[in-house]
Amino acid sequence: MYHDGYQYFEQEYGLQNIGSIVSGHHIVWGPKTMQRLKHVIKAQDIKCILIEANTPRHVLDSLKKITNLNTAEVNIEFSLGTDYFKMMQQNAEMIKNCLS
């Protein structure tokens, strides 16, 4: 996730946000960066990474190569007429499956 937009969701369900990964043209995904991420993932015993639909696939592919993480693509955008509660229920189900 690029931001802390799920803090109330995390508090309600006892989830722990370890951090956010930001990607962009100014970020270098070299061996040192990937090694640091791998270390944090193992040290924190991270089981699941939440991604947004706009997460660059090369970031996700790189993380999957160095870890055995599950991922869940959560929906953070809803348009007029979209049921917010239904969207959050779907996100909760995806997160539950990711952590299983």
Protein backbone atom coordinates (compact mmCIF):
# COMPACT_ATOMS: atom_id res chain seq x y z
CA MET A 1 0.00 0.00 0.00
CA TYR A 2 1.24 3.48 -0.77
CA HIS A 3 -0.37 5.10 2.25
CA ASP A 4 -1.94 4.50 5.64
CA GLY A 5 -5.50 4.63 4.33
CA TYR A 6 -6.56 1.49 6.16
CA GLN A 7 -5.58 2.49 9.70
CA TYR A 8 -9.14 2.24 11.08
CA PHE A 9 -9.63 -1.10 9.37
CA GLU A 10 -6.34 -2.32 10.86
CA GLN A 11 -7.30 -1.18 14.36
CA GLU A 12 -10.75 -2.75 14.16
CA TYR A 13 -9.43 -6.16 13.11
CA GLY A 14 -6.10 -6.23 14.95
CA LEU A 15 -3.94 -6.04 11.83
CA GLN A 16 -0.43 -4.62 11.94
CA ASN A 17 0.87 -2.37 9.18
CA ILE A 18 4.63 -2.82 8.92
CA GLY A 19 5.15 -0.18 6.26
CA SER A 20 4.47 1.04 2.78
CA ILE A 21 6.41 0.50 -0.41
CA VAL A 22 6.51 3.39 -2.80
CA SER A 23 7.38 2.94 -6.42
CA GLY A 24 8.22 5.51 -9.01
CA HIS A 25 10.74 6.57 -11.57
CA HIS A 26 12.99 7.91 -8.79
CA ILE A 27 13.09 4.58 -6.90
CA VAL A 28 15.85 2.14 -7.80
CA TRP A 29 14.89 -1.51 -7.31
CA GLY A 30 18.42 -2.82 -7.21
CA PRO A 31 19.91 -5.74 -5.30
CA LYS A 32 20.49 -3.72 -2.11
CA THR A 33 16.89 -2.52 -1.96
CA MET A 34 15.54 -6.01 -2.59
CA GLN A 35 17.86 -7.49 0.05
CA ARG A 36 16.65 -4.93 2.63
CA LEU A 37 13.03 -5.73 1.80
CA LYS A 38 13.71 -9.45 2.07
CA HIS A 39 15.32 -8.91 5.48
CA VAL A 40 12.36 -6.87 6.78
CA ILE A 41 9.86 -9.42 5.44
CA LYS A 42 11.65 -12.27 7.20
CA ALA A 43 12.44 -10.37 10.40
CA GLN A 44 8.84 -9.20 10.78
CA ASP A 45 7.42 -12.58 9.68
CA ILE A 46 5.27 -10.86 7.07
CA LYS A 47 2.76 -13.23 5.49
CA CYS A 48 0.82 -10.97 3.16
CA ILE A 49 1.33 -7.82 1.16
CA LEU A 50 -1.65 -5.69 0.23
CA ILE A 51 -1.40 -4.08 -3.16
CA GLU A 52 -3.48 -1.53 -4.96
CA ALA A 53 -4.67 -1.96 -8.51
CA ASN A 54 -2.20 0.66 -9.70
CA THR A 55 0.84 -1.06 -8.14
CA PRO A 56 3.48 -1.51 -10.83
CA ARG A 57 3.72 -5.21 -11.67
CA HIS A 58 7.52 -5.18 -11.76
CA VAL A 59 7.52 -4.33 -8.03
CA LEU A 60 5.21 -7.21 -7.24
CA ASP A 61 7.10 -9.63 -9.47
CA SER A 62 10.40 -8.65 -7.83
CA LEU A 63 9.00 -9.23 -4.33
CA LYS A 64 7.54 -12.59 -5.28
CA LYS A 65 10.92 -13.73 -6.61
CA ILE A 66 12.62 -13.20 -3.25
CA THR A 67 9.84 -14.31 -0.88
CA ASN A 68 6.93 -16.72 -0.55
CA LEU A 69 4.42 -13.98 0.21
CA ASN A 70 0.74 -14.02 -0.50
CA THR A 71 -0.73 -10.88 -2.00
CA ALA A 72 -4.17 -9.33 -1.97
CA GLU A 73 -5.22 -6.62 -4.36
CA VAL A 74 -7.47 -4.29 -2.42
CA ASN A 75 -9.88 -1.83 -3.93
CA ILE A 76 -9.36 1.72 -2.69
CA GLU A 77 -11.43 3.55 -5.24
CA PHE A 78 -15.15 3.58 -5.59
CA SER A 79 -17.28 5.59 -7.90
CA LEU A 80 -20.65 7.18 -7.45
CA GLY A 81 -23.16 4.43 -6.84
CA THR A 82 -20.63 1.96 -5.47
CA ASP A 83 -21.55 0.51 -2.09
CA TYR A 84 -18.67 1.40 0.25
CA PHE A 85 -19.57 -1.31 2.77
CA LYS A 86 -19.71 -4.00 0.10
CA MET A 87 -16.31 -2.87 -1.18
CA MET A 88 -14.84 -3.08 2.33
CA GLN A 89 -16.39 -6.53 2.88
CA GLN A 90 -14.74 -7.72 -0.33
CA ASN A 91 -11.42 -6.24 0.81
CA ALA A 92 -11.77 -7.96 4.20
CA GLU A 93 -12.38 -11.30 2.49
CA MET A 94 -9.33 -10.83 0.26
CA ILE A 95 -7.16 -9.93 3.27
CA LYS A 96 -8.46 -12.94 5.22
CA ASN A 97 -7.59 -15.24 2.32
CA CYS A 98 -4.18 -13.65 1.97
CA LEU A 99 -3.37 -14.25 5.64
CA SER A 100 -4.58 -17.88 5.58
